[in-house]
């Protein structure tokens, strides 16, 4: 399944819905397993790329890079490059990104309860 083309009816419907519904807008930004798990790890503080990769063993380096870029573009995380050799880069949640912490914790609690019901 590829990216939705910006000229498609599906893309237009998704855009209109996101414009009219704040919940859909938010879900479009942090939706998907990788964005959510990256944000979850970053609620504990700054992390380097390698630390994130070790914390999320099933994600590929390419996918991690793409997701970090998407989160940075949406101002959920910041990327800081330090003038060192070798270069040091850290990622951390922005102020608005840290506002996700109680939401992520509530999702974890809800997921735990729901999972028990379905076992």
C-alpha atoms as a PDB file:
ATOM      1  CA  UNK A   1       0.000   0.000   0.000  1.00  0.00           C
ATOM      2  CA  UNK A   2       1.566   3.277  -1.100  1.00  0.00           C
ATOM      3  CA  UNK A   3       1.164   6.907  -0.258  1.00  0.00           C
ATOM      4  CA  UNK A   4      -2.154   8.466  -1.231  1.00  0.00           C
ATOM      5  CA  UNK A   5      -1.777  10.658  -4.318  1.00  0.00           C
ATOM      6  CA  UNK A   6      -2.609  14.294  -3.650  1.00  0.00           C
ATOM      7  CA  UNK A   7      -4.890  14.341  -6.691  1.00  0.00           C
ATOM      8  CA  UNK A   8      -7.019  11.389  -5.580  1.00  0.00           C
ATOM      9  CA  UNK A   9     -10.543  11.618  -4.221  1.00  0.00           C
ATOM     10  CA  UNK A  10      -9.407   9.641  -1.180  1.00  0.00           C
ATOM     11  CA  UNK A  11      -6.692  12.241  -0.449  1.00  0.00           C
ATOM     12  CA  UNK A  12      -9.197  15.084  -0.796  1.00  0.00           C
ATOM     13  CA  UNK A  13     -11.702  13.347   1.487  1.00  0.00           C
ATOM     14  CA  UNK A  14      -8.981  12.723   4.073  1.00  0.00           C
ATOM     15  CA  UNK A  15      -7.864  16.369   3.907  1.00  0.00           C
ATOM     16  CA  UNK A  16     -11.411  17.724   4.289  1.00  0.00           C
ATOM     17  CA  UNK A  17     -12.091  15.409   7.224  1.00  0.00           C
ATOM     18  CA  UNK A  18      -8.834  16.425   8.928  1.00  0.00           C
ATOM     19  CA  UNK A  19      -9.656  20.107   8.366  1.00  0.00           C
ATOM     20  CA  UNK A  20     -13.069  19.673   9.999  1.00  0.00           C
ATOM     21  CA  UNK A  21     -12.229  17.146  12.720  1.00  0.00           C
ATOM     22  CA  UNK A  22      -9.393  17.842  15.166  1.00  0.00           C
ATOM     23  CA  UNK A  23      -9.288  14.178  16.231  1.00  0.00           C
ATOM     24  CA  UNK A  24      -8.637  13.042  12.655  1.00  0.00           C
ATOM     25  CA  UNK A  25      -6.027  15.788  12.241  1.00  0.00           C
ATOM     26  CA  UNK A  26      -4.214  14.557  15.377  1.00  0.00           C
ATOM     27  CA  UNK A  27      -4.474  10.907  14.321  1.00  0.00           C
ATOM     28  CA  UNK A  28      -2.958  11.769  10.932  1.00  0.00           C
ATOM     29  CA  UNK A  29       0.086  13.264  12.683  1.00  0.00           C
ATOM     30  CA  UNK A  30       0.781  10.609  15.320  1.00  0.00           C
ATOM     31  CA  UNK A  31      -1.190   7.734  13.842  1.00  0.00           C
ATOM     32  CA  UNK A  32       0.574   4.589  12.832  1.00  0.00           C
ATOM     33  CA  UNK A  33       2.559   2.258  15.007  1.00  0.00           C
ATOM     34  CA  UNK A  34       5.979   3.790  14.401  1.00  0.00           C
ATOM     35  CA  UNK A  35       5.183   7.445  15.141  1.00  0.00           C
ATOM     36  CA  UNK A  36       3.389   6.527  18.320  1.00  0.00           C
ATOM     37  CA  UNK A  37       6.134   4.235  19.623  1.00  0.00           C
ATOM     38  CA  UNK A  38       8.830   6.821  18.791  1.00  0.00           C
ATOM     39  CA  UNK A  39       6.899   9.475  20.714  1.00  0.00           C
ATOM     40  CA  UNK A  40       6.388   7.029  23.560  1.00  0.00           C
ATOM     41  CA  UNK A  41      10.151   6.425  23.892  1.00  0.00           C
ATOM     42  CA  UNK A  42      10.900  10.142  23.647  1.00  0.00           C
ATOM     43  CA  UNK A  43       8.561  10.958  26.561  1.00  0.00           C
ATOM     44  CA  UNK A  44      11.479   9.752  28.716  1.00  0.00           C
ATOM     45  CA  UNK A  45      13.823  12.381  27.251  1.00  0.00           C
ATOM     46  CA  UNK A  46      16.370  12.908  24.471  1.00  0.00           C
ATOM     47  CA  UNK A  47      17.577   9.916  22.497  1.00  0.00           C
ATOM     48  CA  UNK A  48      20.070   9.329  19.735  1.00  0.00           C
ATOM     49  CA  UNK A  49      19.163   7.522  16.516  1.00  0.00           C
ATOM     50  CA  UNK A  50      20.974   4.345  17.594  1.00  0.00           C
ATOM     51  CA  UNK A  51      19.201   4.333  20.959  1.00  0.00           C
ATOM     52  CA  UNK A  52      15.823   4.621  19.257  1.00  0.00           C
ATOM     53  CA  UNK A  53      16.760   1.856  16.810  1.00  0.00           C
ATOM     54  CA  UNK A  54      17.734  -0.471  19.695  1.00  0.00           C
ATOM     55  CA  UNK A  55      14.524   0.393  21.556  1.00  0.00           C
ATOM     56  CA  UNK A  56      12.397  -0.412  18.493  1.00  0.00           C
ATOM     57  CA  UNK A  57      14.124  -3.521  17.107  1.00  0.00           C
ATOM     58  CA  UNK A  58      11.610  -4.301  14.336  1.00  0.00           C
ATOM     59  CA  UNK A  59      11.852  -0.896  12.649  1.00  0.00           C
ATOM     60  CA  UNK A  60      14.223  -0.508   9.725  1.00  0.00           C
ATOM     61  CA  UNK A  61      16.712   2.355   9.673  1.00  0.00           C
ATOM     62  CA  UNK A  62      14.949   3.782   6.622  1.00  0.00           C
ATOM     63  CA  UNK A  63      11.534   3.700   8.302  1.00  0.00           C
ATOM     64  CA  UNK A  64      12.936   5.243  11.484  1.00  0.00           C
ATOM     65  CA  UNK A  65      14.519   8.033   9.437  1.00  0.00           C
ATOM     66  CA  UNK A  66      11.271   8.680   7.533  1.00  0.00           C
ATOM     67  CA  UNK A  67       9.190   8.722  10.713  1.00  0.00           C
ATOM     68  CA  UNK A  68      11.620  11.042  12.507  1.00  0.00           C
ATOM     69  CA  UNK A  69      11.498  13.432   9.534  1.00  0.00           C
ATOM     70  CA  UNK A  70       7.688  13.347   9.521  1.00  0.00           C
ATOM     71  CA  UNK A  71       7.524  14.049  13.266  1.00  0.00           C
ATOM     72  CA  UNK A  72      10.058  16.868  12.889  1.00  0.00           C
ATOM     73  CA  UNK A  73       8.104  18.410   9.977  1.00  0.00           C
ATOM     74  CA  UNK A  74       4.988  18.344  12.178  1.00  0.00           C
ATOM     75  CA  UNK A  75       6.875  20.014  15.063  1.00  0.00           C
ATOM     76  CA  UNK A  76       6.397  17.012  17.373  1.00  0.00           C
ATOM     77  CA  UNK A  77      10.141  16.453  17.793  1.00  0.00           C
ATOM     78  CA  UNK A  78      13.306  18.476  17.373  1.00  0.00           C
ATOM     79  CA  UNK A  79      16.559  17.223  15.918  1.00  0.00           C
ATOM     80  CA  UNK A  80      19.733  18.685  17.399  1.00  0.00           C
ATOM     81  CA  UNK A  81      23.087  18.249  15.674  1.00  0.00           C
ATOM     82  CA  UNK A  82      26.161  18.794  17.842  1.00  0.00           C
ATOM     83  CA  UNK A  83      29.420  20.045  16.310  1.00  0.00           C
ATOM     84  CA  UNK A  84      31.456  16.989  17.254  1.00  0.00           C
ATOM     85  CA  UNK A  85      33.485  14.363  15.429  1.00  0.00           C
ATOM     86  CA  UNK A  86      31.856  11.966  14.905  1.00  0.00           C
ATOM     87  CA  UNK A  87      28.644  13.998  14.635  1.00  0.00           C
ATOM     88  CA  UNK A  88      26.185  13.610  17.501  1.00  0.00           C
ATOM     89  CA  UNK A  89      22.460  13.975  16.780  1.00  0.00           C
ATOM     90  CA  UNK A  90      19.684  13.790  19.359  1.00  0.00           C
ATOM     91  CA  UNK A  91      15.930  13.774  19.058  1.00  0.00           C
ATOM     92  CA  UNK A  92      13.497  15.041  21.660  1.00  0.00           C
ATOM     93  CA  UNK A  93       9.866  15.999  21.922  1.00  0.00           C
ATOM     94  CA  UNK A  94       8.957  19.649  21.478  1.00  0.00           C
ATOM     95  CA  UNK A  95       6.726  21.392  23.996  1.00  0.00           C
ATOM     96  CA  UNK A  96       3.625  20.363  22.065  1.00  0.00           C
ATOM     97  CA  UNK A  97       5.114  16.893  21.628  1.00  0.00           C
ATOM     98  CA  UNK A  98       5.437  16.502  25.404  1.00  0.00           C
ATOM     99  CA  UNK A  99       1.711  17.262  25.652  1.00  0.00           C
ATOM    100  CA  UNK A 100       1.221  13.799  24.163  1.00  0.00           C
ATOM    101  CA  UNK A 101       2.642  12.095  27.290  1.00  0.00           C
ATOM    102  CA  UNK A 102      -0.660  11.815  29.241  1.00  0.00           C
ATOM    103  CA  UNK A 103      -2.464  10.801  26.043  1.00  0.00           C
ATOM    104  CA  UNK A 104       0.081   8.060  25.351  1.00  0.00           C
ATOM    105  CA  UNK A 105      -0.213   6.842  28.959  1.00  0.00           C
ATOM    106  CA  UNK A 106      -4.020   6.749  28.659  1.00  0.00           C
ATOM    107  CA  UNK A 107      -3.747   4.820  25.392  1.00  0.00           C
ATOM    108  CA  UNK A 108      -1.430   2.336  27.098  1.00  0.00           C
ATOM    109  CA  UNK A 109      -3.887   1.850  29.961  1.00  0.00           C
ATOM    110  CA  UNK A 110      -6.825   1.507  27.575  1.00  0.00           C
ATOM    111  CA  UNK A 111      -4.876  -0.940  25.391  1.00  0.00           C
ATOM    112  CA  UNK A 112      -3.995  -3.081  28.424  1.00  0.00           C
ATOM    113  CA  UNK A 113      -7.650  -3.224  29.529  1.00  0.00           C
ATOM    114  CA  UNK A 114      -8.936  -3.909  26.024  1.00  0.00           C
ATOM    115  CA  UNK A 115      -6.347  -6.630  25.386  1.00  0.00           C
ATOM    116  CA  UNK A 116      -7.471  -8.463  28.562  1.00  0.00           C
ATOM    117  CA  UNK A 117     -11.075  -8.413  27.339  1.00  0.00           C
ATOM    118  CA  UNK A 118     -10.069 -10.026  24.059  1.00  0.00           C
ATOM    119  CA  UNK A 119      -7.965 -12.870  25.466  1.00  0.00           C
END
